[in-house]
Amino acid sequence: MRLLLGAITLASLAGAPLHAQADGILGTWRGTSICVKEDWNSACNDEQVIYYVTRIPNQPDSIALDAQKVVGGKPEPMGILTLGYDAAAKAWSAEWRNARYHILWTYQVSGDALTGTLFQLPSRRVARHVTAHREQP
């Protein structure tokens, strides 16, 4: 009986971190997205970024990251990623692909600091590093 109660308690706690993790990443983030300086990545440009992270209605396991870059002092949309939480990696992530690119974004939160990495797939070469801080309301 004690083992069964322990398993039920662990199972109920296993669902709690996702909600807590979502609460931790929600908000507005400002920072930099810096390119890895390599010949294969020469078309990449460093950017000032703004991320607006919100819940997605009816998708409790996902969040939306609306990414914008600052050009000439004004935000320009880059797109919206739907991120899911990977508990083993303690990171939010999303794959994206088109005819030319296949990439993986990962983001980790520690308090009011957000770090991100952009990987090229399938090689998993790192192409960018993001460092951002939560904007206080």
C-alpha atoms as a PDB file:
ATOM      1  CA  MET A   1       0.000   0.000   0.000  1.00  0.00           C
ATOM      2  CA  ARG A   2       2.811   2.436   0.894  1.00  0.00           C
ATOM      3  CA  LEU A   3       4.480   1.733  -2.491  1.00  0.00           C
ATOM      4  CA  LEU A   4       1.191   2.406  -4.296  1.00  0.00           C
ATOM      5  CA  LEU A   5       0.697   5.711  -2.449  1.00  0.00           C
ATOM      6  CA  GLY A   6       4.279   6.688  -3.256  1.00  0.00           C
ATOM      7  CA  ALA A   7       3.696   5.928  -6.941  1.00  0.00           C
ATOM      8  CA  ILE A   8       0.481   7.979  -6.947  1.00  0.00           C
ATOM      9  CA  THR A   9       2.262  10.883  -5.262  1.00  0.00           C
ATOM     10  CA  LEU A  10       5.129  10.749  -7.766  1.00  0.00           C
ATOM     11  CA  ALA A  11       2.695  10.552 -10.664  1.00  0.00           C
ATOM     12  CA  SER A  12       0.784  13.575  -9.416  1.00  0.00           C
ATOM     13  CA  LEU A  13       4.011  15.518  -8.921  1.00  0.00           C
ATOM     14  CA  ALA A  14       5.228  14.580 -12.400  1.00  0.00           C
ATOM     15  CA  GLY A  15       2.465  16.715 -13.934  1.00  0.00           C
ATOM     16  CA  ALA A  16       3.147  19.716 -11.724  1.00  0.00           C
ATOM     17  CA  PRO A  17       6.493  20.792 -13.169  1.00  0.00           C
ATOM     18  CA  LEU A  18       5.075  21.453 -16.654  1.00  0.00           C
ATOM     19  CA  HIS A  19       2.648  24.046 -15.322  1.00  0.00           C
ATOM     20  CA  ALA A  20       5.355  25.529 -13.126  1.00  0.00           C
ATOM     21  CA  GLN A  21       7.805  25.497 -16.038  1.00  0.00           C
ATOM     22  CA  ALA A  22       5.246  27.266 -18.247  1.00  0.00           C
ATOM     23  CA  ASP A  23       4.730  29.910 -15.581  1.00  0.00           C
ATOM     24  CA  GLY A  24       8.505  30.400 -15.467  1.00  0.00           C
ATOM     25  CA  ILE A  25       8.888  31.179 -19.174  1.00  0.00           C
ATOM     26  CA  LEU A  26       5.760  33.288 -19.746  1.00  0.00           C
ATOM     27  CA  GLY A  27       6.302  36.990 -20.358  1.00  0.00           C
ATOM     28  CA  THR A  28       8.396  39.345 -22.435  1.00  0.00           C
ATOM     29  CA  TRP A  29      12.107  38.686 -22.907  1.00  0.00           C
ATOM     30  CA  ARG A  30      14.751  41.004 -24.424  1.00  0.00           C
ATOM     31  CA  GLY A  31      18.293  40.110 -25.326  1.00  0.00           C
ATOM     32  CA  THR A  32      20.707  39.036 -28.021  1.00  0.00           C
ATOM     33  CA  SER A  33      20.882  36.224 -30.540  1.00  0.00           C
ATOM     34  CA  ILE A  34      24.544  35.773 -31.459  1.00  0.00           C
ATOM     35  CA  CYS A  35      25.791  33.694 -34.404  1.00  0.00           C
ATOM     36  CA  VAL A  36      28.459  31.045 -34.158  1.00  0.00           C
ATOM     37  CA  LYS A  37      31.298  32.467 -36.245  1.00  0.00           C
ATOM     38  CA  GLU A  38      32.163  29.703 -38.730  1.00  0.00           C
ATOM     39  CA  ASP A  39      32.472  29.589 -42.525  1.00  0.00           C
ATOM     40  CA  TRP A  40      29.398  27.370 -42.799  1.00  0.00           C
ATOM     41  CA  ASN A  41      27.395  30.010 -40.877  1.00  0.00           C
ATOM     42  CA  SER A  42      28.670  33.146 -42.641  1.00  0.00           C
ATOM     43  CA  ALA A  43      25.196  34.334 -43.733  1.00  0.00           C
ATOM     44  CA  CYS A  44      24.073  34.550 -40.092  1.00  0.00           C
ATOM     45  CA  ASN A  45      23.675  38.015 -38.522  1.00  0.00           C
ATOM     46  CA  ASP A  46      23.752  38.862 -34.816  1.00  0.00           C
ATOM     47  CA  GLU A  47      20.444  40.296 -33.606  1.00  0.00           C
ATOM     48  CA  GLN A  48      18.750  42.091 -30.754  1.00  0.00           C
ATOM     49  CA  VAL A  49      15.614  40.062 -29.997  1.00  0.00           C
ATOM     50  CA  ILE A  50      12.294  40.388 -28.216  1.00  0.00           C
ATOM     51  CA  TYR A  51      10.330  37.268 -27.333  1.00  0.00           C
ATOM     52  CA  TYR A  52       6.683  37.345 -26.264  1.00  0.00           C
ATOM     53  CA  VAL A  53       5.892  34.014 -24.604  1.00  0.00           C
ATOM     54  CA  THR A  54       2.250  33.097 -23.994  1.00  0.00           C
ATOM     55  CA  ARG A  55       0.065  30.093 -23.283  1.00  0.00           C
ATOM     56  CA  ILE A  56      -1.731  28.440 -26.190  1.00  0.00           C
ATOM     57  CA  PRO A  57      -5.452  27.968 -25.525  1.00  0.00           C
ATOM     58  CA  ASN A  58      -6.477  24.305 -25.354  1.00  0.00           C
ATOM     59  CA  GLN A  59      -2.830  23.132 -25.582  1.00  0.00           C
ATOM     60  CA  PRO A  60      -1.676  22.793 -21.964  1.00  0.00           C
ATOM     61  CA  ASP A  61       1.586  21.075 -22.961  1.00  0.00           C
ATOM     62  CA  SER A  62       2.728  23.883 -25.287  1.00  0.00           C
ATOM     63  CA  ILE A  63       3.554  27.575 -25.285  1.00  0.00           C
ATOM     64  CA  ALA A  64       3.893  30.126 -28.081  1.00  0.00           C
ATOM     65  CA  LEU A  65       7.111  32.111 -28.543  1.00  0.00           C
ATOM     66  CA  ASP A  66       6.533  35.139 -30.791  1.00  0.00           C
ATOM     67  CA  ALA A  67      10.067  36.109 -31.902  1.00  0.00           C
ATOM     68  CA  GLN A  68      10.942  39.585 -33.114  1.00  0.00           C
ATOM     69  CA  LYS A  69      14.254  41.160 -34.041  1.00  0.00           C
ATOM     70  CA  VAL A  70      15.039  44.844 -33.585  1.00  0.00           C
ATOM     71  CA  VAL A  71      16.039  46.594 -36.814  1.00  0.00           C
ATOM     72  CA  GLY A  72      16.608  50.342 -36.834  1.00  0.00           C
ATOM     73  CA  GLY A  73      15.165  50.514 -33.337  1.00  0.00           C
ATOM     74  CA  LYS A  74      11.858  48.888 -34.390  1.00  0.00           C
ATOM     75  CA  PRO A  75      10.678  45.301 -33.828  1.00  0.00           C
ATOM     76  CA  GLU A  76      10.212  43.113 -36.929  1.00  0.00           C
ATOM     77  CA  PRO A  77       8.362  39.783 -36.706  1.00  0.00           C
ATOM     78  CA  MET A  78      10.401  36.617 -37.271  1.00  0.00           C
ATOM     79  CA  GLY A  79       7.641  34.106 -36.556  1.00  0.00           C
ATOM     80  CA  ILE A  80       5.906  32.172 -33.838  1.00  0.00           C
ATOM     81  CA  LEU A  81       7.259  28.880 -32.526  1.00  0.00           C
ATOM     82  CA  THR A  82       5.174  26.350 -30.634  1.00  0.00           C
ATOM     83  CA  LEU A  83       7.423  25.015 -27.890  1.00  0.00           C
ATOM     84  CA  GLY A  84       7.012  21.862 -25.842  1.00  0.00           C
ATOM     85  CA  TYR A  85       8.756  21.075 -22.563  1.00  0.00           C
ATOM     86  CA  ASP A  86      11.375  18.320 -22.374  1.00  0.00           C
ATOM     87  CA  ALA A  87      11.586  17.409 -18.689  1.00  0.00           C
ATOM     88  CA  ALA A  88      14.749  15.312 -19.145  1.00  0.00           C
ATOM     89  CA  ALA A  89      16.599  18.253 -20.744  1.00  0.00           C
ATOM     90  CA  LYS A  90      14.810  20.820 -18.545  1.00  0.00           C
ATOM     91  CA  ALA A  91      14.254  22.862 -21.700  1.00  0.00           C
ATOM     92  CA  TRP A  92      11.548  24.160 -23.985  1.00  0.00           C
ATOM     93  CA  SER A  93      12.121  23.202 -27.609  1.00  0.00           C
ATOM     94  CA  ALA A  94      10.718  23.284 -31.132  1.00  0.00           C
ATOM     95  CA  GLU A  95      11.804  21.855 -34.459  1.00  0.00           C
ATOM     96  CA  TRP A  96      11.217  23.847 -37.615  1.00  0.00           C
ATOM     97  CA  ARG A  97      11.864  23.067 -41.240  1.00  0.00           C
ATOM     98  CA  ASN A  98      11.339  24.346 -44.732  1.00  0.00           C
ATOM     99  CA  ALA A  99      12.797  23.301 -48.095  1.00  0.00           C
ATOM    100  CA  ARG A 100      16.290  24.601 -47.150  1.00  0.00           C
ATOM    101  CA  TYR A 101      16.602  24.294 -43.382  1.00  0.00           C
ATOM    102  CA  HIS A 102      15.863  21.888 -40.563  1.00  0.00           C
ATOM    103  CA  ILE A 103      16.568  23.383 -37.135  1.00  0.00           C
ATOM    104  CA  LEU A 104      15.946  22.863 -33.443  1.00  0.00           C
ATOM    105  CA  TRP A 105      15.517  25.728 -30.972  1.00  0.00           C
ATOM    106  CA  THR A 106      15.969  25.005 -27.257  1.00  0.00           C
ATOM    107  CA  TYR A 107      15.418  27.429 -24.375  1.00  0.00           C
ATOM    108  CA  GLN A 108      16.130  27.150 -20.659  1.00  0.00           C
ATOM    109  CA  VAL A 109      14.957  29.496 -17.922  1.00  0.00           C
ATOM    110  CA  SER A 110      16.661  30.299 -14.662  1.00  0.00           C
ATOM    111  CA  GLY A 111      14.698  32.948 -12.775  1.00  0.00           C
ATOM    112  CA  ASP A 112      14.621  36.038 -14.986  1.00  0.00           C
ATOM    113  CA  ALA A 113      17.342  34.759 -17.351  1.00  0.00           C
ATOM    114  CA  LEU A 114      16.643  32.845 -20.557  1.00  0.00           C
ATOM    115  CA  THR A 115      19.276  31.083 -22.634  1.00  0.00           C
ATOM    116  CA  GLY A 116      18.672  29.516 -25.999  1.00  0.00           C
ATOM    117  CA  THR A 117      20.521  27.517 -28.611  1.00  0.00           C
ATOM    118  CA  LEU A 118      19.794  27.008 -32.286  1.00  0.00           C
ATOM    119  CA  PHE A 119      20.954  23.671 -33.701  1.00  0.00           C
ATOM    120  CA  GLN A 120      21.151  22.712 -37.356  1.00  0.00           C
ATOM    121  CA  LEU A 121      19.668  19.279 -37.949  1.00  0.00           C
ATOM    122  CA  PRO A 122      20.498  16.526 -38.461  1.00  0.00           C
ATOM    123  CA  SER A 123      24.139  17.472 -37.676  1.00  0.00           C
ATOM    124  CA  ARG A 124      23.243  19.212 -34.365  1.00  0.00           C
ATOM    125  CA  ARG A 125      25.837  21.909 -35.121  1.00  0.00           C
ATOM    126  CA  VAL A 126      25.221  24.956 -32.956  1.00  0.00           C
ATOM    127  CA  ALA A 127      24.369  28.006 -35.096  1.00  0.00           C
ATOM    128  CA  ARG A 128      23.227  30.601 -32.491  1.00  0.00           C
ATOM    129  CA  HIS A 129      23.218  31.411 -28.802  1.00  0.00           C
ATOM    130  CA  VAL A 130      20.468  33.496 -27.209  1.00  0.00           C
ATOM    131  CA  THR A 131      20.766  35.359 -23.928  1.00  0.00           C
ATOM    132  CA  ALA A 132      17.735  37.299 -22.713  1.00  0.00           C
ATOM    133  CA  HIS A 133      16.249  38.756 -19.552  1.00  0.00           C
ATOM    134  CA  ARG A 134      12.630  38.988 -18.525  1.00  0.00           C
ATOM    135  CA  GLU A 135      11.126  42.438 -18.926  1.00  0.00           C
ATOM    136  CA  GLN A 136       9.303  43.433 -15.772  1.00  0.00           C
ATOM    137  CA  PRO A 137       5.637  44.441 -16.255  1.00  0.00           C
END
